[in-house]
Protein backbone atom coordinates (compact mmCIF):
# COMPACT_ATOMS: atom_id res chain seq x y z
CA ASN A 1 13.09 3.98 -0.27
CA LYS A 2 12.95 6.79 -2.79
CA GLN A 3 10.61 4.84 -5.06
CA ASN A 4 8.06 4.48 -2.29
CA ASP A 5 8.24 8.23 -1.53
CA TYR A 6 7.68 8.97 -5.19
CA ILE A 7 4.66 6.68 -5.47
CA THR A 8 3.10 7.96 -2.30
CA PHE A 9 3.82 11.69 -2.52
CA ASN A 10 4.05 12.36 -6.26
CA LEU A 11 1.72 9.85 -8.02
CA ALA A 12 -1.06 9.39 -5.48
CA SER A 13 -3.75 11.95 -4.93
CA LYS A 14 -5.41 12.55 -1.52
CA GLU A 15 -8.42 10.32 -2.34
CA ASP A 16 -6.34 7.37 -3.61
CA ILE A 17 -5.94 4.30 -1.36
CA TRP A 18 -2.49 3.64 0.05
CA MET A 19 -1.37 0.19 1.23
CA HIS A 20 1.62 -1.34 3.01
CA THR A 21 2.32 -4.48 4.97
CA LYS A 22 1.99 -4.02 8.70
CA ASN A 23 5.37 -3.84 10.49
CA ILE A 24 7.04 -5.63 7.54
CA PRO A 25 9.41 -3.99 5.08
CA GLY A 26 7.90 -3.74 1.58
CA SER A 27 6.63 -1.64 -1.26
CA HIS A 28 4.00 1.06 -1.03
CA VAL A 29 0.97 0.28 -3.21
CA VAL A 30 -1.53 2.86 -4.35
CA VAL A 31 -4.98 2.23 -5.78
CA ILE A 32 -5.99 5.15 -8.05
CA THR A 33 -9.61 5.85 -7.19
CA GLU A 34 -10.42 8.97 -9.27
CA GLY A 35 -12.65 9.89 -6.33
CA LYS A 36 -14.89 6.84 -6.82
CA ASP A 37 -15.65 3.81 -4.65
CA VAL A 38 -13.36 0.84 -5.29
CA PRO A 39 -14.69 -2.74 -5.30
CA ASP A 40 -13.50 -4.97 -2.44
CA SER A 41 -11.92 -7.32 -5.06
CA THR A 42 -9.70 -4.51 -6.24
CA LEU A 43 -8.56 -3.73 -2.73
CA GLU A 44 -7.89 -7.42 -2.06
CA GLU A 45 -5.87 -7.75 -5.29
CA ALA A 46 -3.81 -4.61 -4.46
CA ALA A 47 -3.25 -5.82 -0.92
CA SER A 48 -2.00 -9.18 -2.25
CA TYR A 49 0.55 -7.29 -4.36
CA ALA A 50 1.68 -5.36 -1.31
CA ALA A 51 2.16 -8.65 0.48
CA TYR A 52 4.04 -10.17 -2.49
CA TYR A 53 6.38 -7.19 -2.72
CA SER A 54 7.42 -7.44 0.98
CA ASN A 55 9.61 -9.51 3.17
CA ALA A 56 6.52 -11.66 3.89
CA ARG A 57 6.24 -12.96 0.33
CA GLN A 58 6.54 -16.60 1.43
CA SER A 59 3.93 -16.23 4.21
CA SER A 60 0.17 -16.54 4.28
CA LYS A 61 -2.45 -14.23 5.77
CA VAL A 62 -0.12 -11.23 5.72
CA PRO A 63 -1.40 -8.08 7.48
CA VAL A 64 -1.75 -5.18 5.07
CA ASN A 65 -2.69 -1.71 6.26
CA TYR A 66 -4.62 0.56 4.04
CA THR A 67 -5.96 4.15 4.23
CA TYR A 68 -6.59 7.17 2.03
CA LYS A 69 -3.41 8.92 0.98
CA LYS A 70 -4.66 12.09 2.75
CA HIS A 71 -3.93 10.25 6.06
CA ILE A 72 -0.33 9.66 5.19
CA LYS A 73 2.40 12.00 6.54
CA LYS A 74 6.16 12.02 6.22
CA PRO A 75 7.93 13.18 9.45
CA LYS A 76 10.54 15.83 9.01
CA ASN A 77 14.00 14.30 8.31
CA ALA A 78 12.54 10.79 8.04
CA GLU A 79 14.33 8.14 5.97
CA PRO A 80 13.13 7.60 2.41
CA GLY A 81 9.97 5.47 2.39
CA PHE A 82 9.16 6.05 6.08
CA VAL A 83 5.64 7.35 6.70
CA ILE A 84 3.17 7.66 9.50
CA PHE A 85 -0.56 7.32 9.12
CA HIS A 86 -3.90 7.19 10.98
CA LYS A 87 -7.49 6.18 10.30
CA TYR A 88 -6.52 2.97 8.71
CA TYR A 89 -7.83 -0.57 8.24
CA THR A 90 -5.96 -3.89 8.16
CA MET A 91 -6.80 -6.88 6.00
CA PHE A 92 -5.06 -10.29 6.08
CA ILE A 93 -4.21 -11.59 2.61
CA ASP A 94 -2.09 -14.17 0.86
CA PRO A 95 0.65 -12.75 -1.32
CA GLN A 96 0.00 -12.92 -5.08
CA LYS A 97 2.35 -12.09 -7.93
CA PRO A 98 0.73 -9.53 -10.27
CA LYS A 99 -0.65 -10.88 -13.50
CA GLU A 100 1.32 -10.05 -16.60
CA ASN A 101 -0.38 -8.08 -19.38
CA LYS A 102 -0.01 -9.72 -22.76
C-alpha cells in the first residue's frame, strides 16, 4: 500500500534494515541504523512487529525477510507496497504487539 511505499522509499535510508513477512501480506518495517551495527535483540523485536502487523498475526514462527534498504527495488508500474529485493536473510519469529510508550 501507499504507507509501505512511503516508509520504504521516503523514510528509510540505504543503510537502514528493511523487514517484511515472507510471502505473507503485511506491513513494511524499517530499523533506523544511522550507519551503525544493530543488536540482534533489536532485529528480533522489529521482526516480531512485522509478523504482528501481517496476516500471520495468530501464527507462530513466522518467516520474516530482512535486508538493507539499498537492496530494495520497486518495479516500474508495480502496485503500491510491492517491492523486489535480493541479498536477504530470513528469521522465524513469534508475532508480538509493540509495547506502548507511557
